Amino acid sequence: MDNSCFYCEKDQRLDELMIEIKKLNVSTVYLFKEQTYRGRCLVAYEKHAKEFYELSDEELDLFMKDVRQVARAIQKAFSPDKINYGAYADTLAHLHFHIVPKYQDGYGWGSTFEMNPHKVYLEDSENEKLIAKIRENL
């Protein structure tokens, strides 16, 4: 655990960016509040790790299965044309994946997704609808 990491602390910094959807095998899935990419989620590993190579083969396998489970749920819930995956963490070193649905006629099609391109924030009721669709498909 790293006390400076909001994924470990689960504090206000995390709450400002995302909403917890569900705990999975070895991670937690969150709805990213910035929704330029409708259905965008993040899967954060349960323990503090910075790199994939820090995980045992079993831990890595379970984490990647969680990532796959979320990607399938997003595909079923929103029918995107493609899903982008991002695992950067240059400034916040905690192992996590951005799961970003992309749509052919939508923003950023054909290029790498941007973190917060249009600052699209939904009403709480709209976020809850997205979360419900994801949960029913997890």
N, C-alpha and C. Protein backbone atom coordinates (compact mmCIF):
# COMPACT_ATOMS: atom_id res chain seq x y z
N MET A 1 0.85 -1.19 0.00
CA MET A 1 0.00 0.00 0.00
C MET A 1 0.88 1.23 0.00
N ASP A 2 0.47 2.22 -0.78
CA ASP A 2 1.20 3.47 -0.88
C ASP A 2 0.25 4.58 -0.43
N ASN A 3 0.61 5.27 0.65
CA ASN A 3 -0.28 6.30 1.22
C ASN A 3 -0.48 7.50 0.31
N SER A 4 0.38 7.67 -0.70
CA SER A 4 0.21 8.80 -1.61
C SER A 4 -0.64 8.42 -2.83
N CYS A 5 -1.03 7.15 -2.93
CA CYS A 5 -1.76 6.64 -4.09
C CYS A 5 -3.26 6.65 -3.81
N PHE A 6 -4.02 7.34 -4.66
CA PHE A 6 -5.47 7.39 -4.39
C PHE A 6 -6.17 6.09 -4.70
N TYR A 7 -5.57 5.21 -5.50
CA TYR A 7 -6.17 3.89 -5.70
C TYR A 7 -6.04 3.05 -4.42
N CYS A 8 -4.96 3.26 -3.67
CA CYS A 8 -4.77 2.56 -2.40
C CYS A 8 -5.59 3.21 -1.28
N GLU A 9 -5.58 4.53 -1.25
CA GLU A 9 -6.26 5.27 -0.20
C GLU A 9 -7.77 5.33 -0.40
N LYS A 10 -8.20 5.25 -1.67
CA LYS A 10 -9.63 5.37 -2.02
C LYS A 10 -10.23 6.62 -1.38
N ASP A 11 -9.59 7.73 -1.64
CA ASP A 11 -9.98 8.99 -1.01
C ASP A 11 -10.70 9.92 -1.99
N GLN A 12 -10.80 11.17 -1.60
CA GLN A 12 -11.53 12.17 -2.38
C GLN A 12 -10.95 12.35 -3.78
N ARG A 13 -9.65 12.21 -3.93
CA ARG A 13 -9.03 12.34 -5.25
C ARG A 13 -9.61 11.31 -6.22
N LEU A 14 -9.80 10.10 -5.75
CA LEU A 14 -10.39 9.05 -6.57
C LEU A 14 -11.86 9.36 -6.85
N ASP A 15 -12.58 9.77 -5.81
CA ASP A 15 -14.01 10.08 -5.96
C ASP A 15 -14.26 11.22 -6.93
N GLU A 16 -13.32 12.13 -7.08
CA GLU A 16 -13.49 13.25 -8.01
C GLU A 16 -13.39 12.79 -9.47
N LEU A 17 -12.68 11.68 -9.70
CA LEU A 17 -12.43 11.22 -11.06
C LEU A 17 -13.33 10.08 -11.53
N MET A 18 -13.76 9.23 -10.58
CA MET A 18 -14.50 8.05 -11.00
C MET A 18 -15.44 7.54 -9.92
N ILE A 19 -16.30 6.62 -10.34
CA ILE A 19 -17.32 6.05 -9.47
C ILE A 19 -17.12 4.53 -9.45
N GLU A 20 -17.03 3.96 -8.27
CA GLU A 20 -16.85 2.52 -8.18
C GLU A 20 -18.09 1.80 -8.71
N ILE A 21 -17.83 0.81 -9.55
CA ILE A 21 -18.90 -0.02 -10.08
C ILE A 21 -18.97 -1.34 -9.33
N LYS A 22 -17.80 -2.02 -9.23
CA LYS A 22 -17.82 -3.34 -8.61
C LYS A 22 -16.39 -3.82 -8.36
N LYS A 23 -16.24 -4.59 -7.29
CA LYS A 23 -14.98 -5.28 -7.04
C LYS A 23 -15.00 -6.58 -7.83
N LEU A 24 -13.87 -6.90 -8.45
CA LEU A 24 -13.74 -8.11 -9.23
C LEU A 24 -12.76 -9.06 -8.53
N ASN A 25 -12.20 -10.03 -9.23
CA ASN A 25 -11.30 -11.01 -8.62
C ASN A 25 -10.12 -10.37 -7.90
N VAL A 26 -9.36 -9.54 -8.62
CA VAL A 26 -8.17 -8.92 -8.03
C VAL A 26 -8.10 -7.43 -8.35
N SER A 27 -9.24 -6.84 -8.64
CA SER A 27 -9.26 -5.43 -9.02
C SER A 27 -10.63 -4.84 -8.74
N THR A 28 -10.73 -3.56 -9.01
CA THR A 28 -12.00 -2.84 -8.90
C THR A 28 -12.23 -2.12 -10.22
N VAL A 29 -13.46 -2.16 -10.71
CA VAL A 29 -13.81 -1.44 -11.93
C VAL A 29 -14.55 -0.16 -11.53
N TYR A 30 -14.17 0.92 -12.21
CA TYR A 30 -14.75 2.23 -11.96
C TYR A 30 -15.27 2.81 -13.28
N LEU A 31 -16.35 3.59 -13.19
CA LEU A 31 -16.78 4.41 -14.31
C LEU A 31 -16.00 5.71 -14.23
N PHE A 32 -15.33 6.05 -15.31
CA PHE A 32 -14.62 7.32 -15.37
C PHE A 32 -15.66 8.42 -15.52
N LYS A 33 -15.60 9.46 -14.70
CA LYS A 33 -16.63 10.51 -14.76
C LYS A 33 -16.58 11.28 -16.06
N GLU A 34 -15.41 11.46 -16.64
CA GLU A 34 -15.30 12.15 -17.92
C GLU A 34 -15.73 11.15 -19.00
N GLN A 35 -16.83 11.44 -19.68
CA GLN A 35 -17.46 10.46 -20.57
C GLN A 35 -17.51 10.88 -22.04
N THR A 36 -16.45 11.51 -22.54
CA THR A 36 -16.38 11.75 -23.98
C THR A 36 -16.53 10.44 -24.73
N TYR A 37 -15.92 9.38 -24.18
CA TYR A 37 -16.03 8.04 -24.74
C TYR A 37 -17.07 7.30 -23.90
N ARG A 38 -18.29 7.22 -24.41
CA ARG A 38 -19.41 6.68 -23.65
C ARG A 38 -19.13 5.26 -23.17
N GLY A 39 -19.13 5.09 -21.84
CA GLY A 39 -18.90 3.80 -21.24
C GLY A 39 -17.47 3.60 -20.75
N ARG A 40 -16.65 4.63 -20.85
CA ARG A 40 -15.24 4.50 -20.45
C ARG A 40 -15.12 4.11 -18.98
N CYS A 41 -14.31 3.09 -18.75
CA CYS A 41 -14.07 2.58 -17.40
C CYS A 41 -12.58 2.48 -17.12
N LEU A 42 -12.30 2.17 -15.88
CA LEU A 42 -10.93 1.94 -15.45
C LEU A 42 -10.93 0.73 -14.52
N VAL A 43 -9.94 -0.16 -14.71
CA VAL A 43 -9.79 -1.34 -13.87
C VAL A 43 -8.48 -1.18 -13.11
N ALA A 44 -8.58 -1.05 -11.78
CA ALA A 44 -7.40 -0.84 -10.93
C ALA A 44 -7.09 -2.10 -10.15
N TYR A 45 -5.82 -2.51 -10.18
CA TYR A 45 -5.37 -3.68 -9.44
C TYR A 45 -5.56 -3.45 -7.95
N GLU A 46 -5.89 -4.51 -7.20
CA GLU A 46 -6.24 -4.38 -5.78
C GLU A 46 -5.06 -4.01 -4.88
N LYS A 47 -3.85 -4.41 -5.24
CA LYS A 47 -2.66 -4.11 -4.44
C LYS A 47 -1.83 -3.06 -5.15
N HIS A 48 -0.98 -2.39 -4.39
CA HIS A 48 -0.13 -1.39 -5.02
C HIS A 48 1.00 -2.08 -5.76
N ALA A 49 0.99 -1.94 -7.06
CA ALA A 49 2.06 -2.42 -7.94
C ALA A 49 2.22 -1.39 -9.04
N LYS A 50 3.43 -1.22 -9.50
CA LYS A 50 3.70 -0.23 -10.55
C LYS A 50 3.78 -0.84 -11.94
N GLU A 51 4.25 -2.09 -12.02
CA GLU A 51 4.52 -2.71 -13.31
C GLU A 51 3.95 -4.12 -13.35
N PHE A 52 3.62 -4.59 -14.55
CA PHE A 52 3.12 -5.95 -14.73
C PHE A 52 4.10 -6.98 -14.21
N TYR A 53 5.37 -6.75 -14.41
CA TYR A 53 6.37 -7.76 -14.02
C TYR A 53 6.48 -7.93 -12.51
N GLU A 54 5.86 -7.05 -11.74
CA GLU A 54 5.86 -7.20 -10.28
C GLU A 54 4.86 -8.26 -9.82
N LEU A 55 3.93 -8.62 -10.68
CA LEU A 55 2.90 -9.60 -10.32
C LEU A 55 3.39 -11.01 -10.60
N SER A 56 2.92 -11.95 -9.81
CA SER A 56 3.18 -13.36 -10.11
C SER A 56 2.39 -13.73 -11.36
N ASP A 57 2.70 -14.85 -11.96
CA ASP A 57 1.95 -15.29 -13.14
C ASP A 57 0.47 -15.43 -12.81
N GLU A 58 0.17 -15.97 -11.65
CA GLU A 58 -1.23 -16.14 -11.25
C GLU A 58 -1.93 -14.79 -11.06
N GLU A 59 -1.28 -13.85 -10.40
CA GLU A 59 -1.87 -12.52 -10.19
C GLU A 59 -2.11 -11.81 -11.52
N LEU A 60 -1.13 -11.89 -12.41
CA LEU A 60 -1.27 -11.26 -13.72
C LEU A 60 -2.41 -11.89 -14.51
N ASP A 61 -2.51 -13.20 -14.47
CA ASP A 61 -3.58 -13.90 -15.16
C ASP A 61 -4.94 -13.45 -14.65
N LEU A 62 -5.09 -13.38 -13.34
CA LEU A 62 -6.36 -12.94 -12.75
C LEU A 62 -6.68 -11.49 -13.10
N PHE A 63 -5.66 -10.64 -13.07
CA PHE A 63 -5.88 -9.22 -13.41
C PHE A 63 -6.31 -9.08 -14.87
N MET A 64 -5.65 -9.78 -15.76
CA MET A 64 -6.01 -9.68 -17.17
C MET A 64 -7.40 -10.27 -17.43
N LYS A 65 -7.79 -11.26 -16.66
CA LYS A 65 -9.15 -11.79 -16.78
C LYS A 65 -10.18 -10.74 -16.33
N ASP A 66 -9.83 -9.98 -15.30
CA ASP A 66 -10.72 -8.88 -14.87
C ASP A 66 -10.84 -7.84 -15.98
N VAL A 67 -9.72 -7.48 -16.59
CA VAL A 67 -9.74 -6.50 -17.69
C VAL A 67 -10.62 -7.02 -18.83
N ARG A 68 -10.44 -8.29 -19.17
CA ARG A 68 -11.25 -8.89 -20.24
C ARG A 68 -12.74 -8.89 -19.87
N GLN A 69 -13.05 -9.20 -18.62
CA GLN A 69 -14.45 -9.23 -18.18
C GLN A 69 -15.09 -7.85 -18.34
N VAL A 70 -14.36 -6.81 -18.00
CA VAL A 70 -14.90 -5.45 -18.13
C VAL A 70 -15.05 -5.08 -19.61
N ALA A 71 -14.06 -5.42 -20.42
CA ALA A 71 -14.16 -5.13 -21.86
C ALA A 71 -15.38 -5.82 -22.48
N ARG A 72 -15.61 -7.07 -22.11
CA ARG A 72 -16.79 -7.79 -22.62
C ARG A 72 -18.08 -7.12 -22.17
N ALA A 73 -18.12 -6.70 -20.92
CA ALA A 73 -19.31 -6.03 -20.41
C ALA A 73 -19.58 -4.73 -21.16
N ILE A 74 -18.53 -3.97 -21.43
CA ILE A 74 -18.69 -2.72 -22.18
C ILE A 74 -19.15 -3.01 -23.61
N GLN A 75 -18.59 -4.05 -24.21
CA GLN A 75 -19.01 -4.42 -25.57
C GLN A 75 -20.50 -4.78 -25.59
N LYS A 76 -20.94 -5.58 -24.64
CA LYS A 76 -22.35 -5.98 -24.57
C LYS A 76 -23.25 -4.79 -24.26
N ALA A 77 -22.81 -3.92 -23.38
CA ALA A 77 -23.65 -2.80 -22.93
C ALA A 77 -23.78 -1.70 -23.97
N PHE A 78 -22.70 -1.40 -24.71
CA PHE A 78 -22.69 -0.20 -25.56
C PHE A 78 -22.39 -0.45 -27.03
N SER A 79 -22.00 -1.66 -27.40
CA SER A 79 -21.68 -2.03 -28.79
C SER A 79 -20.72 -1.07 -29.49
N PRO A 80 -19.58 -0.76 -28.86
CA PRO A 80 -18.61 0.10 -29.55
C PRO A 80 -18.01 -0.63 -30.75
N ASP A 81 -17.44 0.13 -31.67
CA ASP A 81 -16.79 -0.46 -32.83
C ASP A 81 -15.41 -0.99 -32.49
N LYS A 82 -14.80 -0.48 -31.44
CA LYS A 82 -13.48 -0.92 -30.99
C LYS A 82 -13.31 -0.50 -29.54
N ILE A 83 -12.51 -1.25 -28.82
CA ILE A 83 -12.16 -0.86 -27.45
C ILE A 83 -10.67 -0.61 -27.41
N ASN A 84 -10.28 0.55 -26.90
CA ASN A 84 -8.87 0.87 -26.68
C ASN A 84 -8.53 0.58 -25.23
N TYR A 85 -7.28 0.19 -25.01
CA TYR A 85 -6.79 -0.13 -23.67
C TYR A 85 -5.57 0.75 -23.40
N GLY A 86 -5.53 1.35 -22.22
CA GLY A 86 -4.38 2.18 -21.87
C GLY A 86 -3.87 1.86 -20.49
N ALA A 87 -2.57 1.65 -20.40
CA ALA A 87 -1.93 1.38 -19.10
C ALA A 87 -0.68 2.23 -19.02
N TYR A 88 -0.84 3.50 -18.69
CA TYR A 88 0.27 4.44 -18.73
C TYR A 88 0.88 4.66 -17.35
N ALA A 89 0.19 5.38 -16.50
CA ALA A 89 0.58 5.58 -15.10
C ALA A 89 1.96 6.21 -14.92
N ASP A 90 2.30 7.19 -15.75
CA ASP A 90 3.58 7.87 -15.59
C ASP A 90 3.63 8.64 -14.27
N THR A 91 2.57 9.35 -13.95
CA THR A 91 2.58 10.20 -12.76
C THR A 91 1.89 9.58 -11.56
N LEU A 92 1.01 8.64 -11.78
CA LEU A 92 0.36 7.93 -10.68
C LEU A 92 0.67 6.45 -10.86
N ALA A 93 1.72 6.02 -10.23
CA ALA A 93 2.24 4.68 -10.46
C ALA A 93 1.47 3.62 -9.67
N HIS A 94 0.33 3.23 -10.20
CA HIS A 94 -0.46 2.13 -9.66
C HIS A 94 -1.01 1.39 -10.88
N LEU A 95 -0.86 0.10 -10.89
CA LEU A 95 -1.25 -0.70 -12.04
C LEU A 95 -2.75 -0.59 -12.30
N HIS A 96 -3.10 -0.09 -13.49
CA HIS A 96 -4.50 0.04 -13.88
C HIS A 96 -4.60 0.10 -15.40
N PHE A 97 -5.79 -0.21 -15.90
CA PHE A 97 -6.09 -0.14 -17.32
C PHE A 97 -7.27 0.79 -17.54
N HIS A 98 -7.15 1.66 -18.52
CA HIS A 98 -8.29 2.41 -19.03
C HIS A 98 -8.93 1.53 -20.10
N ILE A 99 -10.22 1.34 -20.00
CA ILE A 99 -10.98 0.57 -20.99
C ILE A 99 -11.87 1.60 -21.70
N VAL A 100 -11.52 1.87 -22.97
CA VAL A 100 -12.11 3.02 -23.67
C VAL A 100 -12.86 2.57 -24.92
N PRO A 101 -14.20 2.58 -24.87
CA PRO A 101 -14.97 2.24 -26.06
C PRO A 101 -14.85 3.36 -27.10
N LYS A 102 -14.63 2.95 -28.35
CA LYS A 102 -14.53 3.93 -29.44
C LYS A 102 -15.61 3.61 -30.47
N TYR A 103 -16.11 4.67 -31.10
CA TYR A 103 -17.21 4.55 -32.06
C TYR A 103 -16.79 5.21 -33.37
N GLN A 104 -17.06 4.56 -34.50
CA GLN A 104 -16.59 5.06 -35.79
C GLN A 104 -16.95 6.51 -36.06
N ASP A 105 -18.12 6.93 -35.67
CA ASP A 105 -18.51 8.31 -35.93
C ASP A 105 -18.27 9.21 -34.69
N GLY A 106 -17.57 8.65 -33.70
CA GLY A 106 -17.36 9.38 -32.46
C GLY A 106 -16.00 10.05 -32.38
N TYR A 107 -15.81 10.72 -31.28
CA TYR A 107 -14.58 11.46 -31.04
C TYR A 107 -13.37 10.53 -31.03
N GLY A 108 -12.30 10.93 -31.69
CA GLY A 108 -11.03 10.25 -31.62
C GLY A 108 -10.92 8.96 -32.40
N TRP A 109 -11.92 8.66 -33.25
CA TRP A 109 -11.84 7.43 -34.01
C TRP A 109 -10.59 7.46 -34.89
N GLY A 110 -9.84 6.38 -34.89
CA GLY A 110 -8.65 6.28 -35.73
C GLY A 110 -7.39 6.83 -35.08
N SER A 111 -7.49 7.26 -33.83
CA SER A 111 -6.31 7.76 -33.13
C SER A 111 -6.34 7.28 -31.68
N THR A 112 -5.26 7.52 -30.99
CA THR A 112 -5.16 7.14 -29.58
C THR A 112 -6.14 7.98 -28.77
N PHE A 113 -6.77 7.35 -27.79
CA PHE A 113 -7.72 8.10 -26.97
C PHE A 113 -6.99 9.14 -26.14
N GLU A 114 -7.69 10.23 -25.85
CA GLU A 114 -7.17 11.30 -25.00
C GLU A 114 -7.79 11.17 -23.62
N MET A 115 -7.06 11.59 -22.61
CA MET A 115 -7.53 11.42 -21.23
C MET A 115 -8.85 12.14 -20.96
N ASN A 116 -8.94 13.42 -21.20
CA ASN A 116 -10.16 14.19 -20.91
C ASN A 116 -10.38 15.21 -22.02
N PRO A 117 -10.70 14.75 -23.22
CA PRO A 117 -10.70 15.64 -24.37
C PRO A 117 -11.76 16.74 -24.35
N HIS A 118 -12.99 16.42 -24.06
CA HIS A 118 -14.07 17.41 -24.16
C HIS A 118 -14.68 17.78 -22.82
N LYS A 119 -14.19 17.18 -21.78
CA LYS A 119 -14.74 17.45 -20.45
C LYS A 119 -16.25 17.20 -20.43
N VAL A 120 -16.65 16.02 -20.90
CA VAL A 120 -18.06 15.62 -20.91
C VAL A 120 -18.36 14.96 -19.57
N TYR A 121 -19.13 15.66 -18.75
CA TYR A 121 -19.54 15.13 -17.44
C TYR A 121 -21.05 15.02 -17.44
N LEU A 122 -21.53 13.86 -17.03
CA LEU A 122 -22.96 13.58 -17.04
C LEU A 122 -23.58 13.86 -15.68
N GLU A 123 -24.89 13.97 -15.69
CA GLU A 123 -25.64 14.07 -14.43
C GLU A 123 -25.52 12.74 -13.69
N ASP A 124 -25.68 12.78 -12.39
CA ASP A 124 -25.58 11.55 -11.59
C ASP A 124 -26.52 10.47 -12.10
N SER A 125 -27.72 10.85 -12.50
CA SER A 125 -28.70 9.86 -12.98
C SER A 125 -28.21 9.19 -14.27
N GLU A 126 -27.52 9.93 -15.13
CA GLU A 126 -26.98 9.35 -16.36
C GLU A 126 -25.83 8.40 -16.05
N ASN A 127 -24.97 8.80 -15.10
CA ASN A 127 -23.89 7.90 -14.67
C ASN A 127 -24.47 6.60 -14.12
N GLU A 128 -25.52 6.70 -13.34
CA GLU A 128 -26.13 5.50 -12.76
C GLU A 128 -26.70 4.58 -13.84
N LYS A 129 -27.23 5.16 -14.91
CA LYS A 129 -27.73 4.34 -16.02
C LYS A 129 -26.58 3.59 -16.69
N LEU A 130 -25.46 4.27 -16.91
CA LEU A 130 -24.30 3.61 -17.50
C LEU A 130 -23.79 2.50 -16.59
N ILE A 131 -23.70 2.79 -15.30
CA ILE A 131 -23.23 1.80 -14.33
C ILE A 131 -24.14 0.59 -14.31
N ALA A 132 -25.45 0.81 -14.34
CA ALA A 132 -26.39 -0.30 -14.33
C ALA A 132 -26.20 -1.20 -15.56
N LYS A 133 -25.99 -0.58 -16.73
CA LYS A 133 -25.78 -1.37 -17.94
C LYS A 133 -24.50 -2.19 -17.85
N ILE A 134 -23.47 -1.60 -17.28
CA ILE A 134 -22.19 -2.32 -17.15
C ILE A 134 -22.36 -3.46 -16.15
N ARG A 135 -22.94 -3.16 -14.99
CA ARG A 135 -23.13 -4.20 -13.96
C ARG A 135 -23.93 -5.39 -14.47
N GLU A 136 -24.97 -5.13 -15.23
CA GLU A 136 -25.80 -6.24 -15.70
C GLU A 136 -25.05 -7.12 -16.69
N ASN A 137 -23.96 -6.62 -17.24
CA ASN A 137 -23.17 -7.40 -18.19
C ASN A 137 -21.87 -7.93 -17.64
N LEU A 138 -21.56 -7.62 -16.38
CA LEU A 138 -20.33 -8.14 -15.77
C LEU A 138 -20.48 -9.60 -15.35
